[in-house]
């Protein structure tokens, strides 16, 4: 196999494969991804998205010397970003998202009760 084949053809096959898997096994994959155990993780994805850039910029701003990059150091950095960002995202979700969703539920219940109240004639 040529070097160009390894560099370009194989990664493109990996990008094409997941959508084709979704089309060929929709029930199995849908059942796996809609399992209730994924719900807590799904609640943390948006806060993690909001926090990730800030965590990375704080790390880059605190480095005083050039860093040597290899695969191991990048894996360790990424794991650190995910852990620290995950902790901040968890705090952000508990401090903001949970109370607001509680208020929404209270307001929606009140509106439902007012609609269900019998009219006096």
N, C-alpha and C. Protein backbone atom coordinates (compact mmCIF):
# COMPACT_ATOMS: atom_id res chain seq x y z
N UNK A 1 0.85 -1.18 0.00
CA UNK A 1 0.00 0.00 0.00
C UNK A 1 0.89 1.25 0.00
N UNK A 2 0.54 2.19 -0.80
CA UNK A 2 1.33 3.41 -0.88
C UNK A 2 1.12 4.29 0.34
N UNK A 3 2.07 5.21 0.54
CA UNK A 3 2.00 6.10 1.69
C UNK A 3 0.79 7.03 1.59
N UNK A 4 0.47 7.46 0.36
CA UNK A 4 -0.68 8.34 0.18
C UNK A 4 -1.97 7.64 0.57
N UNK A 5 -2.00 6.32 0.35
CA UNK A 5 -3.19 5.55 0.67
C UNK A 5 -3.45 5.55 2.17
N UNK A 6 -2.38 5.39 2.94
CA UNK A 6 -2.52 5.38 4.39
C UNK A 6 -2.92 6.76 4.90
N UNK A 7 -2.37 7.80 4.30
CA UNK A 7 -2.63 9.16 4.78
C UNK A 7 -4.02 9.66 4.43
N UNK A 8 -4.53 9.31 3.25
CA UNK A 8 -5.77 9.92 2.80
C UNK A 8 -6.94 8.96 2.71
N UNK A 9 -6.72 7.76 2.20
CA UNK A 9 -7.83 6.85 1.95
C UNK A 9 -8.39 6.24 3.23
N UNK A 10 -7.52 5.74 4.11
CA UNK A 10 -8.00 5.08 5.33
C UNK A 10 -8.73 6.02 6.28
N UNK A 11 -8.21 7.25 6.54
CA UNK A 11 -9.00 8.15 7.41
C UNK A 11 -10.36 8.50 6.82
N UNK A 12 -10.44 8.65 5.49
CA UNK A 12 -11.74 8.94 4.88
C UNK A 12 -12.69 7.77 5.03
N UNK A 13 -12.19 6.56 4.99
CA UNK A 13 -13.04 5.39 5.23
C UNK A 13 -13.60 5.41 6.65
N UNK A 14 -12.78 5.86 7.60
CA UNK A 14 -13.25 5.94 8.97
C UNK A 14 -14.32 7.01 9.13
N UNK A 15 -14.23 8.11 8.37
CA UNK A 15 -15.25 9.15 8.44
C UNK A 15 -16.56 8.69 7.79
N UNK A 16 -16.47 7.85 6.79
CA UNK A 16 -17.66 7.39 6.08
C UNK A 16 -18.35 6.26 6.83
N UNK A 17 -17.62 5.47 7.58
CA UNK A 17 -18.18 4.27 8.21
C UNK A 17 -19.27 4.54 9.24
N UNK A 18 -19.11 5.48 10.19
CA UNK A 18 -20.18 5.67 11.20
C UNK A 18 -21.55 6.00 10.61
N UNK A 19 -21.67 6.90 9.61
CA UNK A 19 -23.01 7.12 9.06
C UNK A 19 -23.60 5.88 8.40
N UNK A 20 -22.75 5.09 7.74
CA UNK A 20 -23.29 3.89 7.12
C UNK A 20 -23.73 2.87 8.17
N UNK A 21 -23.04 2.85 9.31
CA UNK A 21 -23.48 1.98 10.40
C UNK A 21 -24.85 2.41 10.92
N UNK A 22 -25.05 3.73 11.03
CA UNK A 22 -26.34 4.22 11.51
C UNK A 22 -27.46 3.85 10.56
N UNK A 23 -27.17 3.85 9.26
CA UNK A 23 -28.21 3.51 8.29
C UNK A 23 -28.49 2.02 8.24
N UNK A 24 -27.47 1.20 8.52
CA UNK A 24 -27.68 -0.23 8.40
C UNK A 24 -28.25 -0.87 9.67
N UNK A 25 -27.99 -0.30 10.85
CA UNK A 25 -28.50 -0.84 12.11
C UNK A 25 -29.22 0.24 12.91
N UNK A 26 -30.29 0.84 12.40
CA UNK A 26 -30.89 1.97 13.12
C UNK A 26 -31.51 1.58 14.45
N UNK A 27 -32.10 0.41 14.57
CA UNK A 27 -32.75 0.04 15.82
C UNK A 27 -31.75 -0.23 16.92
N UNK A 28 -30.68 -0.93 16.61
CA UNK A 28 -29.67 -1.27 17.60
C UNK A 28 -28.94 -0.03 18.10
N UNK A 29 -28.53 0.83 17.18
CA UNK A 29 -27.79 2.03 17.57
C UNK A 29 -28.71 3.01 18.29
N UNK A 30 -29.94 3.15 17.82
CA UNK A 30 -30.89 4.03 18.49
C UNK A 30 -31.18 3.55 19.91
N UNK A 31 -31.31 2.25 20.06
CA UNK A 31 -31.55 1.69 21.39
C UNK A 31 -30.36 1.94 22.33
N UNK A 32 -29.16 1.81 21.80
CA UNK A 32 -27.96 2.04 22.61
C UNK A 32 -27.82 3.50 22.99
N UNK A 33 -28.00 4.41 22.04
CA UNK A 33 -27.81 5.83 22.32
C UNK A 33 -28.96 6.46 23.11
N UNK A 34 -30.14 5.84 23.08
CA UNK A 34 -31.26 6.39 23.85
C UNK A 34 -31.41 5.73 25.21
N UNK A 35 -30.44 4.96 25.62
CA UNK A 35 -30.48 4.32 26.94
C UNK A 35 -30.43 5.41 28.02
N UNK A 36 -31.17 5.27 29.12
CA UNK A 36 -31.22 6.31 30.16
C UNK A 36 -29.87 6.59 30.83
N UNK A 37 -28.92 5.68 30.73
CA UNK A 37 -27.63 5.92 31.39
C UNK A 37 -26.84 7.03 30.71
N UNK A 38 -27.18 7.40 29.48
CA UNK A 38 -26.48 8.49 28.79
C UNK A 38 -27.02 9.87 29.18
N UNK A 39 -28.16 9.95 29.86
CA UNK A 39 -28.80 11.23 30.14
C UNK A 39 -27.94 12.17 31.00
N UNK A 40 -27.31 11.71 32.09
CA UNK A 40 -26.48 12.64 32.85
C UNK A 40 -25.31 13.20 32.03
N UNK A 41 -24.72 12.36 31.20
CA UNK A 41 -23.63 12.82 30.35
C UNK A 41 -24.13 13.82 29.31
N UNK A 42 -25.32 13.61 28.81
CA UNK A 42 -25.86 14.54 27.81
C UNK A 42 -26.16 15.90 28.42
N UNK A 43 -26.47 15.93 29.71
CA UNK A 43 -26.72 17.21 30.36
C UNK A 43 -25.44 18.01 30.57
N UNK A 44 -24.29 17.34 30.54
CA UNK A 44 -23.02 18.02 30.75
C UNK A 44 -22.34 18.45 29.46
N UNK A 45 -22.82 18.03 28.31
CA UNK A 45 -22.11 18.33 27.07
C UNK A 45 -22.14 19.82 26.74
N UNK A 46 -23.28 20.49 26.88
CA UNK A 46 -23.33 21.92 26.55
C UNK A 46 -22.51 22.77 27.53
N UNK A 47 -22.62 22.57 28.85
CA UNK A 47 -21.74 23.34 29.73
C UNK A 47 -20.25 23.05 29.48
N UNK A 48 -19.91 21.82 29.14
CA UNK A 48 -18.52 21.49 28.81
C UNK A 48 -18.10 22.20 27.54
N UNK A 49 -18.98 22.30 26.58
CA UNK A 49 -18.71 23.05 25.35
C UNK A 49 -18.43 24.52 25.66
N UNK A 50 -19.19 25.09 26.59
CA UNK A 50 -18.99 26.49 26.95
C UNK A 50 -17.70 26.72 27.72
N UNK A 51 -17.28 25.76 28.51
CA UNK A 51 -16.15 25.93 29.41
C UNK A 51 -14.83 25.50 28.79
N UNK A 52 -14.86 24.64 27.78
CA UNK A 52 -13.64 24.01 27.27
C UNK A 52 -12.62 25.02 26.77
N UNK A 53 -13.05 26.01 26.03
CA UNK A 53 -12.11 26.98 25.48
C UNK A 53 -11.47 27.80 26.59
N UNK A 54 -12.23 28.15 27.60
CA UNK A 54 -11.70 28.93 28.72
C UNK A 54 -10.63 28.12 29.47
N UNK A 55 -10.89 26.85 29.70
CA UNK A 55 -9.92 26.00 30.39
C UNK A 55 -8.64 25.88 29.57
N UNK A 56 -8.77 25.70 28.27
CA UNK A 56 -7.60 25.59 27.41
C UNK A 56 -6.81 26.88 27.38
N UNK A 57 -7.49 28.02 27.30
CA UNK A 57 -6.80 29.30 27.29
C UNK A 57 -6.11 29.58 28.62
N UNK A 58 -6.71 29.15 29.73
CA UNK A 58 -6.05 29.33 31.03
C UNK A 58 -4.77 28.50 31.09
N UNK A 59 -4.79 27.28 30.56
CA UNK A 59 -3.59 26.46 30.55
C UNK A 59 -2.52 27.06 29.64
N UNK A 60 -2.91 27.48 28.45
CA UNK A 60 -1.94 28.05 27.52
C UNK A 60 -1.35 29.34 28.08
N UNK A 61 -2.17 30.13 28.77
CA UNK A 61 -1.67 31.37 29.35
C UNK A 61 -0.76 31.16 30.55
N UNK A 62 -0.85 30.02 31.19
CA UNK A 62 -0.02 29.78 32.37
C UNK A 62 1.31 29.12 32.04
N UNK A 63 1.49 28.66 30.82
CA UNK A 63 2.74 28.01 30.43
C UNK A 63 3.80 29.07 30.16
N UNK A 64 4.94 28.92 30.82
CA UNK A 64 6.02 29.91 30.66
C UNK A 64 7.10 29.48 29.68
N UNK A 65 7.24 28.17 29.47
CA UNK A 65 8.26 27.64 28.58
C UNK A 65 7.60 26.89 27.44
N UNK A 66 8.27 26.78 26.30
CA UNK A 66 7.71 25.96 25.22
C UNK A 66 7.56 24.50 25.65
N UNK A 67 6.51 23.87 25.21
CA UNK A 67 6.24 22.48 25.56
C UNK A 67 6.64 21.56 24.41
N UNK A 68 7.17 20.40 24.77
CA UNK A 68 7.47 19.36 23.78
C UNK A 68 6.20 18.55 23.58
N UNK A 69 5.76 18.45 22.34
CA UNK A 69 4.51 17.73 22.06
C UNK A 69 4.80 16.37 21.45
N UNK A 70 4.21 15.37 22.03
CA UNK A 70 4.17 14.04 21.44
C UNK A 70 2.80 13.46 21.75
N UNK A 71 2.54 12.26 21.30
CA UNK A 71 1.21 11.69 21.46
C UNK A 71 0.84 11.52 22.94
N UNK A 72 1.79 11.10 23.74
CA UNK A 72 1.50 10.87 25.15
C UNK A 72 1.15 12.17 25.86
N UNK A 73 1.92 13.23 25.61
CA UNK A 73 1.64 14.50 26.28
C UNK A 73 0.31 15.09 25.81
N UNK A 74 -0.03 14.89 24.54
CA UNK A 74 -1.32 15.39 24.06
C UNK A 74 -2.49 14.62 24.67
N UNK A 75 -2.32 13.33 24.86
CA UNK A 75 -3.38 12.54 25.51
C UNK A 75 -3.54 12.98 26.96
N UNK A 76 -2.43 13.22 27.64
CA UNK A 76 -2.50 13.67 29.04
C UNK A 76 -3.13 15.06 29.13
N UNK A 77 -2.75 15.96 28.23
CA UNK A 77 -3.35 17.30 28.22
C UNK A 77 -4.86 17.22 27.97
N UNK A 78 -5.25 16.43 26.98
CA UNK A 78 -6.67 16.32 26.65
C UNK A 78 -7.46 15.73 27.81
N UNK A 79 -6.88 14.72 28.47
CA UNK A 79 -7.54 14.14 29.64
C UNK A 79 -7.70 15.17 30.74
N UNK A 80 -6.67 15.98 30.95
CA UNK A 80 -6.75 17.04 31.95
C UNK A 80 -7.79 18.08 31.61
N UNK A 81 -7.82 18.48 30.31
CA UNK A 81 -8.85 19.44 29.89
C UNK A 81 -10.24 18.90 30.14
N UNK A 82 -10.45 17.62 29.79
CA UNK A 82 -11.78 17.02 29.97
C UNK A 82 -12.14 16.90 31.45
N UNK A 83 -11.16 16.55 32.29
CA UNK A 83 -11.46 16.40 33.71
C UNK A 83 -11.77 17.75 34.35
N UNK A 84 -10.89 18.72 34.15
CA UNK A 84 -11.11 20.04 34.76
C UNK A 84 -12.35 20.70 34.17
N UNK A 85 -12.50 20.63 32.84
CA UNK A 85 -13.69 21.18 32.20
C UNK A 85 -14.95 20.47 32.65
N UNK A 86 -14.86 19.15 32.86
CA UNK A 86 -16.02 18.40 33.34
C UNK A 86 -16.43 18.80 34.74
N UNK A 87 -15.45 19.05 35.60
CA UNK A 87 -15.77 19.48 36.96
C UNK A 87 -16.43 20.87 36.94
N UNK A 88 -15.90 21.78 36.14
CA UNK A 88 -16.49 23.12 36.04
C UNK A 88 -17.87 23.02 35.39
N UNK A 89 -18.02 22.16 34.37
CA UNK A 89 -19.32 21.99 33.71
C UNK A 89 -20.34 21.40 34.67
N UNK A 90 -19.92 20.47 35.51
CA UNK A 90 -20.82 19.90 36.51
C UNK A 90 -21.29 20.98 37.48
N UNK A 91 -20.37 21.80 37.94
CA UNK A 91 -20.73 22.90 38.84
C UNK A 91 -21.67 23.87 38.14
N UNK A 92 -21.35 24.20 36.89
CA UNK A 92 -22.18 25.14 36.13
C UNK A 92 -23.58 24.58 35.92
N UNK A 93 -23.66 23.30 35.63
CA UNK A 93 -24.96 22.67 35.43
C UNK A 93 -25.77 22.66 36.73
N UNK A 94 -25.12 22.32 37.84
CA UNK A 94 -25.84 22.28 39.12
C UNK A 94 -26.21 23.68 39.61
N UNK A 95 -25.39 24.68 39.30
CA UNK A 95 -25.64 26.03 39.79
C UNK A 95 -26.63 26.80 38.92
N UNK A 96 -26.72 26.48 37.63
CA UNK A 96 -27.55 27.28 36.74
C UNK A 96 -28.68 26.45 36.12
N UNK A 97 -28.33 25.36 35.49
CA UNK A 97 -29.31 24.62 34.70
C UNK A 97 -30.38 23.94 35.55
N UNK A 98 -29.99 23.31 36.64
CA UNK A 98 -30.95 22.59 37.48
C UNK A 98 -31.96 23.55 38.13
N UNK A 99 -31.53 24.67 38.74
CA UNK A 99 -32.53 25.59 39.31
C UNK A 99 -33.47 26.19 38.27
N UNK A 100 -32.93 26.52 37.09
CA UNK A 100 -33.79 27.10 36.05
C UNK A 100 -34.80 26.08 35.55
N UNK A 101 -34.38 24.83 35.39
CA UNK A 101 -35.35 23.82 34.95
C UNK A 101 -36.41 23.57 36.03
N UNK A 102 -36.03 23.69 37.30
CA UNK A 102 -37.01 23.58 38.37
C UNK A 102 -38.02 24.70 38.32
N UNK A 103 -37.55 25.92 38.07
CA UNK A 103 -38.47 27.06 37.93
C UNK A 103 -39.39 26.87 36.73
N UNK A 104 -38.85 26.38 35.64
CA UNK A 104 -39.68 26.13 34.46
C UNK A 104 -40.78 25.13 34.77
N UNK A 105 -40.44 24.06 35.48
CA UNK A 105 -41.45 23.06 35.82
C UNK A 105 -42.54 23.67 36.71
N UNK A 106 -42.13 24.52 37.68
CA UNK A 106 -43.13 25.15 38.55
C UNK A 106 -44.05 26.07 37.75
N UNK A 107 -43.48 26.85 36.83
CA UNK A 107 -44.30 27.77 36.04
C UNK A 107 -45.22 27.02 35.08
N UNK A 108 -44.73 25.96 34.49
CA UNK A 108 -45.56 25.19 33.57
C UNK A 108 -46.70 24.51 34.33
N UNK A 109 -46.45 24.01 35.53
CA UNK A 109 -47.51 23.40 36.33
C UNK A 109 -48.58 24.42 36.69
N UNK A 110 -48.16 25.64 37.04
CA UNK A 110 -49.14 26.67 37.40
C UNK A 110 -50.00 27.02 36.21
N UNK A 111 -49.39 27.12 35.02
CA UNK A 111 -50.18 27.43 33.83
C UNK A 111 -51.14 26.30 33.51
N UNK A 112 -50.71 25.07 33.69
CA UNK A 112 -51.60 23.93 33.45
C UNK A 112 -52.77 23.94 34.43
N UNK A 113 -52.50 24.29 35.69
CA UNK A 113 -53.58 24.32 36.69
C UNK A 113 -54.59 25.41 36.39
N UNK A 114 -54.12 26.55 35.90
CA UNK A 114 -55.06 27.61 35.58
C UNK A 114 -55.91 27.25 34.37
N UNK A 115 -55.35 26.48 33.43
CA UNK A 115 -56.15 26.06 32.28
C UNK A 115 -57.18 25.01 32.66
N UNK A 116 -56.86 24.17 33.64
CA UNK A 116 -57.75 23.10 34.05
C UNK A 116 -58.83 23.56 35.02
N UNK A 117 -58.72 24.75 35.57
CA UNK A 117 -59.72 25.24 36.54
C UNK A 117 -61.09 25.35 35.85
N UNK A 118 -62.11 24.84 36.49
CA UNK A 118 -63.45 24.90 35.88
C UNK A 118 -63.96 26.34 35.86
N UNK A 119 -64.65 26.64 34.81
CA UNK A 119 -65.22 27.98 34.66
C UNK A 119 -66.56 28.03 35.38
N UNK A 120 -66.79 29.12 36.08
CA UNK A 120 -68.07 29.31 36.79
C UNK A 120 -69.05 30.02 35.88
N UNK A 121 -70.24 29.52 35.87
CA UNK A 121 -71.26 30.14 35.01
C UNK A 121 -72.28 30.87 35.81
